[in-house]
Amino acid sequence: MLAAQAQTTKFNIKQIVVAGDDNVQAAALNDSGVIVGTVYAGITGAPSGFSMAGNTVTTLPSPNVQGAGFNPRAIDATGNIYGWARAAAGSVGDALTYYLSNSGTYNAAYQSTVLAPSNIEADTVPVAMGLNAKGEVFFNTIYSLSGPVGTNYGKPPNYKSVPAIDRFTEIESLNNSGTIAVEGFSFSGVYSLYFGKGKTFTQVLPTGSINTRGGLLNNTGAIAGSYLDTSRAPHGFVYAGGNYTTFNMPEAASAISVTGFNDLGRVVGSYSSAADGKQHAFLYNGTTVASFGGFDSLDTVKLAINNKGAIIVADQINAHTLKFLSYRVACTGSGC
């Protein structure tokens, strides 16, 4: 009998530069490889939305007459882009509006506006946002002093709200069947995951978990995330068909963050090395985990993966340059 060959995995990492500017926050990519995100030009950090197909960059115009930039966060297969913009960045009681755009034209039906309380400034920001093939969307808005509001999903004008599952709840993903995955946060500081639609939700709870996060739901109905066990050791997991599969990093990790999951079961995210504290990206192919890159970020490094296996990395705010640094990643080898 022939011995099984070891998997080989190589990663080609290329920084994303937009019009000579490397202060780029990549957000999402579709199966055609089109990347969307925000570039922060000059010392003012003024944001501008962009889409990138290969090396061709298209600037996405601001939807607001005041000039507050568009911030794309999701793109579908046909090029619809979902994102947000402020009416006037930095003002107290600022209005935050969600937009759907195609070729620079904004669809008025998707312009859902949330007005911050008069005593809250620009800390009012959206967190996870998403878009599916049916034109359904989800959006969450975090108020820094009062927790999540505007947690809605569906196709306008028929938005649904998430029931009060926990102290705070936040939608993390939405698949093409209209099912959502929700992350809850309790008064005791524990995170938990649920999935469902309407008023019916099921908890995702890996065996031995005391803290469960992630909630990346793909179009097969599987969910990927991470959890802490009773010893507070982190693990990644995939839940599919009622079964949990656990995976671990190639080295001891102090934290794991799962941020991308495709329909082929590939999981991407980042982890913090217990040895040196640096963040590294990882790819789980359903069998093994391969790590790549080393990122000195002030925030959690986020990754996304499409169904062709193309990966993007957003280094969030780099600790040394104080810029958003992002990368395109191509994986080659049997471990992809």
C-alpha atoms as a PDB file:
ATOM      1  CA  MET A   1       0.000   0.000   0.000  1.00  0.00           C
ATOM      2  CA  LEU A   2       1.331   3.433  -0.933  1.00  0.00           C
ATOM      3  CA  ALA A   3       1.694   5.952   1.854  1.00  0.00           C
ATOM      4  CA  ALA A   4      -0.509   9.054   1.596  1.00  0.00           C
ATOM      5  CA  GLN A   5       1.379  12.053   0.249  1.00  0.00           C
ATOM      6  CA  ALA A   6       1.727  15.083   2.489  1.00  0.00           C
ATOM      7  CA  GLN A   7      -0.242  18.118   1.373  1.00  0.00           C
ATOM      8  CA  THR A   8       1.697  21.061  -0.009  1.00  0.00           C
ATOM      9  CA  THR A   9       0.429  24.610   0.314  1.00  0.00           C
ATOM     10  CA  LYS A  10       1.999  27.833  -0.952  1.00  0.00           C
ATOM     11  CA  PHE A  11       0.638  31.335  -0.601  1.00  0.00           C
ATOM     12  CA  ASN A  12       1.460  34.231  -2.926  1.00  0.00           C
ATOM     13  CA  ILE A  13       0.721  37.439  -1.003  1.00  0.00           C
ATOM     14  CA  LYS A  14       0.501  40.761  -2.879  1.00  0.00           C
ATOM     15  CA  GLN A  15      -0.336  44.077  -1.248  1.00  0.00           C
ATOM     16  CA  ILE A  16      -3.356  45.938  -2.619  1.00  0.00           C
ATOM     17  CA  VAL A  17      -2.488  49.443  -3.813  1.00  0.00           C
ATOM     18  CA  VAL A  18      -5.158  51.780  -5.214  1.00  0.00           C
ATOM     19  CA  ALA A  19      -3.956  54.652  -7.420  1.00  0.00           C
ATOM     20  CA  GLY A  20      -0.586  54.647  -5.672  1.00  0.00           C
ATOM     21  CA  ASP A  21      -2.112  54.611  -2.192  1.00  0.00           C
ATOM     22  CA  ASP A  22      -1.550  51.621   0.096  1.00  0.00           C
ATOM     23  CA  ASN A  23      -3.870  52.846   2.883  1.00  0.00           C
ATOM     24  CA  VAL A  24      -6.525  50.355   1.782  1.00  0.00           C
ATOM     25  CA  GLN A  25      -9.183  48.466   3.728  1.00  0.00           C
ATOM     26  CA  ALA A  26     -10.343  45.551   1.569  1.00  0.00           C
ATOM     27  CA  ALA A  27     -13.778  44.280   2.593  1.00  0.00           C
ATOM     28  CA  ALA A  28     -15.112  41.574   0.262  1.00  0.00           C
ATOM     29  CA  LEU A  29     -14.691  39.799  -3.073  1.00  0.00           C
ATOM     30  CA  ASN A  30     -17.039  37.861  -5.334  1.00  0.00           C
ATOM     31  CA  ASP A  31     -16.483  34.689  -7.356  1.00  0.00           C
ATOM     32  CA  SER A  32     -15.249  36.747 -10.324  1.00  0.00           C
ATOM     33  CA  GLY A  33     -12.447  38.022  -8.101  1.00  0.00           C
ATOM     34  CA  VAL A  34     -13.721  41.614  -7.938  1.00  0.00           C
ATOM     35  CA  ILE A  35     -12.593  43.204  -4.672  1.00  0.00           C
ATOM     36  CA  VAL A  36     -14.389  46.077  -2.960  1.00  0.00           C
ATOM     37  CA  GLY A  37     -13.257  48.240  -0.097  1.00  0.00           C
ATOM     38  CA  THR A  38     -12.202  51.681   1.032  1.00  0.00           C
ATOM     39  CA  VAL A  39      -9.041  53.669   0.331  1.00  0.00           C
ATOM     40  CA  TYR A  40      -8.014  56.446   2.719  1.00  0.00           C
ATOM     41  CA  ALA A  41      -6.165  59.048   0.673  1.00  0.00           C
ATOM     42  CA  GLY A  42      -3.736  61.593   2.056  1.00  0.00           C
ATOM     43  CA  ILE A  43      -3.097  62.688   5.614  1.00  0.00           C
ATOM     44  CA  THR A  44      -6.769  63.499   6.222  1.00  0.00           C
ATOM     45  CA  GLY A  45      -7.738  59.851   5.830  1.00  0.00           C
ATOM     46  CA  ALA A  46     -10.788  60.843   3.766  1.00  0.00           C
ATOM     47  CA  PRO A  47     -12.475  57.596   2.647  1.00  0.00           C
ATOM     48  CA  SER A  48     -13.344  56.663  -0.918  1.00  0.00           C
ATOM     49  CA  GLY A  49     -15.011  53.451  -2.025  1.00  0.00           C
ATOM     50  CA  PHE A  50     -13.474  51.363  -4.801  1.00  0.00           C
ATOM     51  CA  SER A  51     -13.904  48.152  -6.743  1.00  0.00           C
ATOM     52  CA  MET A  52     -10.931  46.328  -8.289  1.00  0.00           C
ATOM     53  CA  ALA A  53     -11.138  43.799 -11.117  1.00  0.00           C
ATOM     54  CA  GLY A  54      -7.626  42.481 -11.719  1.00  0.00           C
ATOM     55  CA  ASN A  55      -5.576  45.678 -11.771  1.00  0.00           C
ATOM     56  CA  THR A  56      -8.448  47.867 -12.980  1.00  0.00           C
ATOM     57  CA  VAL A  57      -9.762  50.144 -10.253  1.00  0.00           C
ATOM     58  CA  THR A  58     -13.115  51.926 -10.300  1.00  0.00           C
ATOM     59  CA  THR A  59     -13.813  54.685  -7.790  1.00  0.00           C
ATOM     60  CA  LEU A  60     -17.294  54.489  -6.300  1.00  0.00           C
ATOM     61  CA  PRO A  61     -18.833  57.945  -5.958  1.00  0.00           C
ATOM     62  CA  SER A  62     -20.106  59.353  -2.705  1.00  0.00           C
ATOM     63  CA  PRO A  63     -23.888  59.041  -2.321  1.00  0.00           C
ATOM     64  CA  ASN A  64     -24.011  62.183  -0.153  1.00  0.00           C
ATOM     65  CA  VAL A  65     -23.915  65.782  -1.304  1.00  0.00           C
ATOM     66  CA  GLN A  66     -21.820  66.579   1.769  1.00  0.00           C
ATOM     67  CA  GLY A  67     -19.109  64.357   0.303  1.00  0.00           C
ATOM     68  CA  ALA A  68     -18.949  61.707   3.061  1.00  0.00           C
ATOM     69  CA  GLY A  69     -17.406  58.707   1.302  1.00  0.00           C
ATOM     70  CA  PHE A  70     -19.022  55.375   0.429  1.00  0.00           C
ATOM     71  CA  ASN A  71     -17.695  52.347   2.345  1.00  0.00           C
ATOM     72  CA  PRO A  72     -18.424  49.069   0.489  1.00  0.00           C
ATOM     73  CA  ARG A  73     -18.741  45.934   2.631  1.00  0.00           C
ATOM     74  CA  ALA A  74     -20.219  43.238   0.341  1.00  0.00           C
ATOM     75  CA  ILE A  75     -20.461  42.393  -3.383  1.00  0.00           C
ATOM     76  CA  ASP A  76     -22.585  39.795  -5.168  1.00  0.00           C
ATOM     77  CA  ALA A  77     -21.927  37.810  -8.358  1.00  0.00           C
ATOM     78  CA  THR A  78     -23.540  40.440 -10.610  1.00  0.00           C
ATOM     79  CA  GLY A  79     -21.584  43.350  -9.158  1.00  0.00           C
ATOM     80  CA  ASN A  80     -24.143  44.792  -6.759  1.00  0.00           C
ATOM     81  CA  ILE A  81     -22.236  46.410  -3.887  1.00  0.00           C
ATOM     82  CA  TYR A  82     -23.632  46.959  -0.406  1.00  0.00           C
ATOM     83  CA  GLY A  83     -22.105  49.508   1.936  1.00  0.00           C
ATOM     84  CA  TRP A  84     -22.617  52.531   4.137  1.00  0.00           C
ATOM     85  CA  ALA A  85     -21.908  56.239   4.390  1.00  0.00           C
ATOM     86  CA  ARG A  86     -22.332  58.985   6.955  1.00  0.00           C
ATOM     87  CA  ALA A  87     -24.236  62.138   6.159  1.00  0.00           C
ATOM     88  CA  ALA A  88     -21.489  64.277   7.692  1.00  0.00           C
ATOM     89  CA  ALA A  89     -18.589  62.405   9.218  1.00  0.00           C
ATOM     90  CA  GLY A  90     -17.788  63.247  12.815  1.00  0.00           C
ATOM     91  CA  SER A  91     -20.897  65.218  13.661  1.00  0.00           C
ATOM     92  CA  VAL A  92     -22.945  64.634  16.801  1.00  0.00           C
ATOM     93  CA  GLY A  93     -26.248  62.888  16.092  1.00  0.00           C
ATOM     94  CA  ASP A  94     -24.934  61.823  12.690  1.00  0.00           C
ATOM     95  CA  ALA A  95     -27.130  59.937  10.235  1.00  0.00           C
ATOM     96  CA  LEU A  96     -25.756  56.630   9.001  1.00  0.00           C
ATOM     97  CA  THR A  97     -27.215  55.294   5.741  1.00  0.00           C
ATOM     98  CA  TYR A  98     -26.905  51.884   4.065  1.00  0.00           C
ATOM     99  CA  TYR A  99     -26.805  51.779   0.260  1.00  0.00           C
ATOM    100  CA  LEU A 100     -26.910  49.246  -2.568  1.00  0.00           C
ATOM    101  CA  SER A 101     -24.918  50.352  -5.603  1.00  0.00           C
ATOM    102  CA  ASN A 102     -24.430  49.067  -9.126  1.00  0.00           C
ATOM    103  CA  SER A 103     -22.118  50.927 -11.517  1.00  0.00           C
ATOM    104  CA  GLY A 104     -22.242  54.013  -9.316  1.00  0.00           C
ATOM    105  CA  THR A 105     -26.048  54.236  -9.206  1.00  0.00           C
ATOM    106  CA  TYR A 106     -27.583  53.918  -5.735  1.00  0.00           C
ATOM    107  CA  ASN A 107     -30.828  51.996  -5.294  1.00  0.00           C
ATOM    108  CA  ALA A 108     -33.193  54.123  -3.205  1.00  0.00           C
ATOM    109  CA  ALA A 109     -35.069  51.071  -1.903  1.00  0.00           C
ATOM    110  CA  TYR A 110     -31.979  50.034   0.087  1.00  0.00           C
ATOM    111  CA  GLN A 111     -31.281  53.432   1.629  1.00  0.00           C
ATOM    112  CA  SER A 112     -31.965  52.552   5.263  1.00  0.00           C
ATOM    113  CA  THR A 113     -30.986  55.409   7.558  1.00  0.00           C
ATOM    114  CA  VAL A 114     -30.200  55.183  11.269  1.00  0.00           C
ATOM    115  CA  LEU A 115     -29.922  58.433  13.224  1.00  0.00           C
ATOM    116  CA  ALA A 116     -27.554  58.445  16.178  1.00  0.00           C
ATOM    117  CA  PRO A 117     -28.770  59.933  19.485  1.00  0.00           C
ATOM    118  CA  SER A 118     -27.867  63.585  19.835  1.00  0.00           C
ATOM    119  CA  ASN A 119     -25.201  62.875  22.477  1.00  0.00           C
ATOM    120  CA  ILE A 120     -23.263  60.255  20.497  1.00  0.00           C
ATOM    121  CA  GLU A 121     -20.563  61.198  18.035  1.00  0.00           C
ATOM    122  CA  ALA A 122     -18.769  59.342  15.268  1.00  0.00           C
ATOM    123  CA  ASP A 123     -18.256  56.185  17.325  1.00  0.00           C
ATOM    124  CA  THR A 124     -21.576  55.167  15.805  1.00  0.00           C
ATOM    125  CA  VAL A 125     -20.459  52.694  13.150  1.00  0.00           C
ATOM    126  CA  PRO A 126     -21.840  49.702  11.284  1.00  0.00           C
ATOM    127  CA  VAL A 127     -20.199  46.378  11.919  1.00  0.00           C
ATOM    128  CA  ALA A 128     -21.032  43.232   9.927  1.00  0.00           C
ATOM    129  CA  MET A 129     -23.040  43.790   6.714  1.00  0.00           C
ATOM    130  CA  GLY A 130     -23.953  41.346   3.973  1.00  0.00           C
ATOM    131  CA  LEU A 131     -25.781  40.702   0.704  1.00  0.00           C
ATOM    132  CA  ASN A 132     -27.070  37.497  -0.882  1.00  0.00           C
ATOM    133  CA  ALA A 133     -27.999  36.409  -4.419  1.00  0.00           C
ATOM    134  CA  LYS A 134     -31.685  37.272  -3.885  1.00  0.00           C
ATOM    135  CA  GLY A 135     -30.977  40.905  -3.091  1.00  0.00           C
ATOM    136  CA  GLU A 136     -31.559  40.338   0.613  1.00  0.00           C
ATOM    137  CA  VAL A 137     -29.247  42.215   2.959  1.00  0.00           C
ATOM    138  CA  PHE A 138     -28.424  42.470   6.632  1.00  0.00           C
ATOM    139  CA  PHE A 139     -26.992  45.333   8.626  1.00  0.00           C
ATOM    140  CA  ASN A 140     -26.066  46.056  12.217  1.00  0.00           C
ATOM    141  CA  THR A 141     -25.286  49.419  13.747  1.00  0.00           C
ATOM    142  CA  ILE A 142     -23.303  49.691  16.975  1.00  0.00           C
ATOM    143  CA  TYR A 143     -23.779  52.699  19.228  1.00  0.00           C
ATOM    144  CA  SER A 144     -20.740  52.914  21.434  1.00  0.00           C
ATOM    145  CA  LEU A 145     -22.739  53.742  24.561  1.00  0.00           C
ATOM    146  CA  SER A 146     -25.871  51.656  24.159  1.00  0.00           C
ATOM    147  CA  GLY A 147     -25.068  48.532  22.130  1.00  0.00           C
ATOM    148  CA  PRO A 148     -26.427  47.277  18.800  1.00  0.00           C
ATOM    149  CA  VAL A 149     -29.426  48.862  17.078  1.00  0.00           C
ATOM    150  CA  GLY A 150     -30.648  48.600  13.522  1.00  0.00           C
ATOM    151  CA  THR A 151     -30.066  44.825  13.494  1.00  0.00           C
ATOM    152  CA  ASN A 152     -32.219  43.936  10.471  1.00  0.00           C
ATOM    153  CA  TYR A 153     -32.287  41.593   7.498  1.00  0.00           C
ATOM    154  CA  GLY A 154     -34.386  40.836   4.415  1.00  0.00           C
ATOM    155  CA  LYS A 155     -35.305  42.556   1.167  1.00  0.00           C
ATOM    156  CA  PRO A 156     -36.635  46.089   1.505  1.00  0.00           C
ATOM    157  CA  PRO A 157     -39.131  47.161   2.542  1.00  0.00           C
ATOM    158  CA  ASN A 158     -39.774  43.840   4.313  1.00  0.00           C
ATOM    159  CA  TYR A 159     -36.980  43.888   6.867  1.00  0.00           C
ATOM    160  CA  LYS A 160     -37.129  41.505   9.814  1.00  0.00           C
ATOM    161  CA  SER A 161     -35.579  42.103  13.201  1.00  0.00           C
ATOM    162  CA  VAL A 162     -33.642  39.558  15.251  1.00  0.00           C
ATOM    163  CA  PRO A 163     -35.456  38.539  18.440  1.00  0.00           C
ATOM    164  CA  ALA A 164     -33.819  39.437  21.751  1.00  0.00           C
ATOM    165  CA  ILE A 165     -31.771  36.250  22.016  1.00  0.00           C
ATOM    166  CA  ASP A 166     -29.186  37.769  24.339  1.00  0.00           C
ATOM    167  CA  ARG A 167     -28.181  41.052  25.945  1.00  0.00           C
ATOM    168  CA  PHE A 168     -26.732  42.184  22.616  1.00  0.00           C
ATOM    169  CA  THR A 169     -27.246  40.438  19.282  1.00  0.00           C
ATOM    170  CA  GLU A 170     -25.480  40.975  15.958  1.00  0.00           C
ATOM    171  CA  ILE A 171     -26.062  39.316  12.586  1.00  0.00           C
ATOM    172  CA  GLU A 172     -22.811  37.821  11.281  1.00  0.00           C
ATOM    173  CA  SER A 173     -23.827  36.279   7.926  1.00  0.00           C
ATOM    174  CA  LEU A 174     -26.707  35.633   5.530  1.00  0.00           C
ATOM    175  CA  ASN A 175     -26.914  32.851   2.926  1.00  0.00           C
ATOM    176  CA  ASN A 176     -28.915  32.545  -0.293  1.00  0.00           C
ATOM    177  CA  SER A 177     -31.797  30.759   1.450  1.00  0.00           C
ATOM    178  CA  GLY A 178     -32.328  33.788   3.690  1.00  0.00           C
ATOM    179  CA  THR A 179     -30.990  32.060   6.812  1.00  0.00           C
ATOM    180  CA  ILE A 180     -28.868  34.202   9.129  1.00  0.00           C
ATOM    181  CA  ALA A 181     -26.255  33.431  11.773  1.00  0.00           C
ATOM    182  CA  VAL A 182     -26.378  35.585  14.889  1.00  0.00           C
ATOM    183  CA  GLU A 183     -23.790  36.236  17.580  1.00  0.00           C
ATOM    184  CA  GLY A 184     -25.065  37.004  21.059  1.00  0.00           C
ATOM    185  CA  PHE A 185     -23.279  38.618  24.012  1.00  0.00           C
ATOM    186  CA  SER A 186     -24.571  38.060  27.554  1.00  0.00           C
ATOM    187  CA  PHE A 187     -24.457  40.160  30.706  1.00  0.00           C
ATOM    188  CA  SER A 188     -21.807  37.750  32.011  1.00  0.00           C
ATOM    189  CA  GLY A 189     -19.533  38.474  29.044  1.00  0.00           C
ATOM    190  CA  VAL A 190     -20.114  35.170  27.210  1.00  0.00           C
ATOM    191  CA  TYR A 191     -20.517  34.970  23.411  1.00  0.00           C
ATOM    192  CA  SER A 192     -22.885  32.480  21.783  1.00  0.00           C
ATOM    193  CA  LEU A 193     -24.034  31.631  18.234  1.00  0.00           C
ATOM    194  CA  TYR A 194     -27.438  30.916  16.702  1.00  0.00           C
ATOM    195  CA  PHE A 195     -28.829  30.397  13.206  1.00  0.00           C
ATOM    196  CA  GLY A 196     -32.315  30.555  11.723  1.00  0.00           C
ATOM    197  CA  LYS A 197     -34.852  32.976  10.275  1.00  0.00           C
ATOM    198  CA  GLY A 198     -38.001  34.696  11.432  1.00  0.00           C
ATOM    199  CA  LYS A 199     -38.569  33.802  15.088  1.00  0.00           C
ATOM    200  CA  THR A 200     -36.976  30.331  15.054  1.00  0.00           C
ATOM    201  CA  PHE A 201     -33.291  30.083  15.952  1.00  0.00           C
ATOM    202  CA  THR A 202     -31.070  27.151  16.928  1.00  0.00           C
ATOM    203  CA  GLN A 203     -27.965  27.477  19.082  1.00  0.00           C
ATOM    204  CA  VAL A 204     -24.577  26.389  17.732  1.00  0.00           C
ATOM    205  CA  LEU A 205     -22.649  24.913  20.659  1.00  0.00           C
ATOM    206  CA  PRO A 206     -19.541  22.769  20.123  1.00  0.00           C
ATOM    207  CA  THR A 207     -18.949  20.190  22.853  1.00  0.00           C
ATOM    208  CA  GLY A 208     -17.033  21.744  25.753  1.00  0.00           C
ATOM    209  CA  SER A 209     -17.465  25.332  24.547  1.00  0.00           C
ATOM    210  CA  ILE A 210     -17.713  28.113  27.108  1.00  0.00           C
ATOM    211  CA  ASN A 211     -17.543  30.939  24.526  1.00  0.00           C
ATOM    212  CA  THR A 212     -18.548  30.564  20.851  1.00  0.00           C
ATOM    213  CA  ARG A 213     -17.956  33.135  18.107  1.00  0.00           C
ATOM    214  CA  GLY A 214     -17.802  33.514  14.325  1.00  0.00           C
ATOM    215  CA  GLY A 215     -21.097  32.532  12.747  1.00  0.00           C
ATOM    216  CA  LEU A 216     -19.950  32.336   9.106  1.00  0.00           C
ATOM    217  CA  LEU A 217     -22.806  30.635   7.259  1.00  0.00           C
ATOM    218  CA  ASN A 218     -22.351  29.295   3.709  1.00  0.00           C
ATOM    219  CA  ASN A 219     -24.896  28.355   1.048  1.00  0.00           C
ATOM    220  CA  THR A 220     -24.869  24.650   2.001  1.00  0.00           C
ATOM    221  CA  GLY A 221     -26.141  25.582   5.469  1.00  0.00           C
ATOM    222  CA  ALA A 222     -22.847  24.839   7.249  1.00  0.00           C
ATOM    223  CA  ILE A 223     -21.471  27.266   9.838  1.00  0.00           C
ATOM    224  CA  ALA A 224     -17.857  28.025  10.755  1.00  0.00           C
ATOM    225  CA  GLY A 225     -16.583  29.700  13.891  1.00  0.00           C
ATOM    226  CA  SER A 226     -14.309  29.419  16.890  1.00  0.00           C
ATOM    227  CA  TYR A 227     -14.709  28.604  20.556  1.00  0.00           C
ATOM    228  CA  LEU A 228     -12.924  28.455  23.884  1.00  0.00           C
ATOM    229  CA  ASP A 229     -12.962  25.181  25.794  1.00  0.00           C
ATOM    230  CA  THR A 230     -13.123  24.828  29.583  1.00  0.00           C
ATOM    231  CA  SER A 231      -9.346  25.389  29.761  1.00  0.00           C
ATOM    232  CA  ARG A 232      -9.833  28.587  27.690  1.00  0.00           C
ATOM    233  CA  ALA A 233      -7.877  27.063  24.793  1.00  0.00           C
ATOM    234  CA  PRO A 234      -9.161  28.279  21.379  1.00  0.00           C
ATOM    235  CA  HIS A 235     -10.309  25.997  18.556  1.00  0.00           C
ATOM    236  CA  GLY A 236     -11.919  26.435  15.150  1.00  0.00           C
ATOM    237  CA  PHE A 237     -14.982  24.453  14.156  1.00  0.00           C
ATOM    238  CA  VAL A 238     -17.377  23.684  11.318  1.00  0.00           C
ATOM    239  CA  TYR A 239     -20.985  22.676  12.047  1.00  0.00           C
ATOM    240  CA  ALA A 240     -22.712  20.777   9.223  1.00  0.00           C
ATOM    241  CA  GLY A 241     -25.625  18.353   9.225  1.00  0.00           C
ATOM    242  CA  GLY A 242     -25.811  18.321  13.003  1.00  0.00           C
ATOM    243  CA  ASN A 243     -22.132  17.384  13.390  1.00  0.00           C
ATOM    244  CA  TYR A 244     -19.180  19.416  14.657  1.00  0.00           C
ATOM    245  CA  THR A 245     -15.666  19.166  13.235  1.00  0.00           C
ATOM    246  CA  THR A 246     -12.941  20.832  15.303  1.00  0.00           C
ATOM    247  CA  PHE A 247      -9.628  22.092  13.914  1.00  0.00           C
ATOM    248  CA  ASN A 248      -6.569  23.681  15.521  1.00  0.00           C
ATOM    249  CA  MET A 249      -3.806  26.003  14.415  1.00  0.00           C
ATOM    250  CA  PRO A 250      -0.339  24.731  13.372  1.00  0.00           C
ATOM    251  CA  GLU A 251       1.101  26.242  16.567  1.00  0.00           C
ATOM    252  CA  ALA A 252      -0.193  27.120  20.025  1.00  0.00           C
ATOM    253  CA  ALA A 253      -2.643  30.022  19.710  1.00  0.00           C
ATOM    254  CA  SER A 254      -3.980  32.429  22.313  1.00  0.00           C
ATOM    255  CA  ALA A 255      -6.962  33.446  20.145  1.00  0.00           C
ATOM    256  CA  ILE A 256      -8.619  32.387  16.878  1.00  0.00           C
ATOM    257  CA  SER A 257     -10.919  34.525  14.715  1.00  0.00           C
ATOM    258  CA  VAL A 258     -12.876  32.932  11.841  1.00  0.00           C
ATOM    259  CA  THR A 259     -13.924  35.557   9.263  1.00  0.00           C
ATOM    260  CA  GLY A 260     -14.449  33.730   5.939  1.00  0.00           C
ATOM    261  CA  PHE A 261     -16.153  30.502   4.797  1.00  0.00           C
ATOM    262  CA  ASN A 262     -16.923  29.429   1.245  1.00  0.00           C
ATOM    263  CA  ASP A 263     -19.391  26.928  -0.204  1.00  0.00           C
ATOM    264  CA  LEU A 264     -16.620  24.333  -0.660  1.00  0.00           C
ATOM    265  CA  GLY A 265     -15.977  24.266   3.084  1.00  0.00           C
ATOM    266  CA  ARG A 266     -12.767  26.311   3.130  1.00  0.00           C
ATOM    267  CA  VAL A 267     -12.381  28.421   6.264  1.00  0.00           C
ATOM    268  CA  VAL A 268     -10.108  31.454   6.625  1.00  0.00           C
ATOM    269  CA  GLY A 269      -9.299  33.707   9.520  1.00  0.00           C
ATOM    270  CA  SER A 270      -6.487  34.729  11.806  1.00  0.00           C
ATOM    271  CA  TYR A 271      -4.949  33.635  15.072  1.00  0.00           C
ATOM    272  CA  SER A 272      -2.604  35.120  17.634  1.00  0.00           C
ATOM    273  CA  SER A 273       0.553  33.116  18.222  1.00  0.00           C
ATOM    274  CA  ALA A 274       1.075  32.167  21.875  1.00  0.00           C
ATOM    275  CA  ALA A 275       4.827  32.295  21.228  1.00  0.00           C
ATOM    276  CA  ASP A 276       5.287  35.799  19.826  1.00  0.00           C
ATOM    277  CA  GLY A 277       1.850  37.454  20.010  1.00  0.00           C
ATOM    278  CA  LYS A 278       1.768  38.163  16.257  1.00  0.00           C
ATOM    279  CA  GLN A 279      -1.325  37.578  14.193  1.00  0.00           C
ATOM    280  CA  HIS A 280      -1.110  35.031  11.387  1.00  0.00           C
ATOM    281  CA  ALA A 281      -3.633  34.156   8.693  1.00  0.00           C
ATOM    282  CA  PHE A 282      -4.827  30.597   8.219  1.00  0.00           C
ATOM    283  CA  LEU A 283      -6.659  28.416   5.710  1.00  0.00           C
ATOM    284  CA  TYR A 284      -8.518  25.264   6.789  1.00  0.00           C
ATOM    285  CA  ASN A 285      -9.277  23.043   3.793  1.00  0.00           C
ATOM    286  CA  GLY A 286     -11.571  20.614   5.589  1.00  0.00           C
ATOM    287  CA  THR A 287      -8.676  18.385   6.639  1.00  0.00           C
ATOM    288  CA  THR A 288      -5.599  20.421   7.522  1.00  0.00           C
ATOM    289  CA  VAL A 289      -4.707  23.973   8.537  1.00  0.00           C
ATOM    290  CA  ALA A 290      -1.978  26.025   6.835  1.00  0.00           C
ATOM    291  CA  SER A 291      -0.822  29.395   8.156  1.00  0.00           C
ATOM    292  CA  PHE A 292       0.711  32.320   6.308  1.00  0.00           C
ATOM    293  CA  GLY A 293       1.840  35.891   6.876  1.00  0.00           C
ATOM    294  CA  GLY A 294       2.663  37.807  10.033  1.00  0.00           C
ATOM    295  CA  PHE A 295       0.640  40.900  10.799  1.00  0.00           C
ATOM    296  CA  ASP A 296       1.355  43.633  13.354  1.00  0.00           C
ATOM    297  CA  SER A 297      -2.150  45.003  13.640  1.00  0.00           C
ATOM    298  CA  LEU A 298      -3.928  47.073  16.266  1.00  0.00           C
ATOM    299  CA  ASP A 299      -7.124  45.168  15.482  1.00  0.00           C
ATOM    300  CA  THR A 300      -8.130  41.646  14.472  1.00  0.00           C
ATOM    301  CA  VAL A 301      -6.880  40.749  11.005  1.00  0.00           C
ATOM    302  CA  LYS A 302      -9.838  39.819   8.798  1.00  0.00           C
ATOM    303  CA  LEU A 303      -9.903  37.533   5.755  1.00  0.00           C
ATOM    304  CA  ALA A 304     -12.450  36.602   3.095  1.00  0.00           C
ATOM    305  CA  ILE A 305     -12.450  33.756   0.558  1.00  0.00           C
ATOM    306  CA  ASN A 306     -14.528  33.212  -2.577  1.00  0.00           C
ATOM    307  CA  ASN A 307     -15.671  29.933  -4.139  1.00  0.00           C
ATOM    308  CA  LYS A 308     -12.662  29.938  -6.497  1.00  0.00           C
ATOM    309  CA  GLY A 309     -10.292  29.921  -3.518  1.00  0.00           C
ATOM    310  CA  ALA A 310      -9.077  33.519  -3.922  1.00  0.00           C
ATOM    311  CA  ILE A 311      -8.384  35.182  -0.562  1.00  0.00           C
ATOM    312  CA  ILE A 312      -8.118  38.765   0.633  1.00  0.00           C
ATOM    313  CA  VAL A 313      -6.549  39.928   3.892  1.00  0.00           C
ATOM    314  CA  ALA A 314      -7.360  43.186   5.652  1.00  0.00           C
ATOM    315  CA  ASP A 315      -4.585  43.960   8.154  1.00  0.00           C
ATOM    316  CA  GLN A 316      -6.918  46.449   9.821  1.00  0.00           C
ATOM    317  CA  ILE A 317      -4.857  49.306  11.304  1.00  0.00           C
ATOM    318  CA  ASN A 318      -1.175  48.415  11.178  1.00  0.00           C
ATOM    319  CA  ALA A 319       0.554  49.089  14.487  1.00  0.00           C
ATOM    320  CA  HIS A 320       3.620  50.667  12.843  1.00  0.00           C
ATOM    321  CA  THR A 321       2.259  52.634   9.876  1.00  0.00           C
ATOM    322  CA  LEU A 322      -1.196  53.433  11.341  1.00  0.00           C
ATOM    323  CA  LYS A 323      -2.623  52.567   7.915  1.00  0.00           C
ATOM    324  CA  PHE A 324      -5.161  50.024   6.754  1.00  0.00           C
ATOM    325  CA  LEU A 325      -3.063  47.444   4.895  1.00  0.00           C
ATOM    326  CA  SER A 326      -4.697  44.810   2.683  1.00  0.00           C
ATOM    327  CA  TYR A 327      -3.506  41.956   0.494  1.00  0.00           C
ATOM    328  CA  ARG A 328      -4.567  39.604  -2.286  1.00  0.00           C
ATOM    329  CA  VAL A 329      -3.592  35.986  -1.654  1.00  0.00           C
ATOM    330  CA  ALA A 330      -3.378  33.123  -4.157  1.00  0.00           C
ATOM    331  CA  CYS A 331      -3.079  29.599  -2.787  1.00  0.00           C
ATOM    332  CA  THR A 332      -1.389  26.839  -4.789  1.00  0.00           C
ATOM    333  CA  GLY A 333      -0.801  23.197  -3.948  1.00  0.00           C
ATOM    334  CA  SER A 334      -2.798  20.215  -2.746  1.00  0.00           C
ATOM    335  CA  GLY A 335      -3.515  21.854   0.622  1.00  0.00           C
ATOM    336  CA  CYS A 336      -5.678  24.572  -0.906  1.00  0.00           C
END
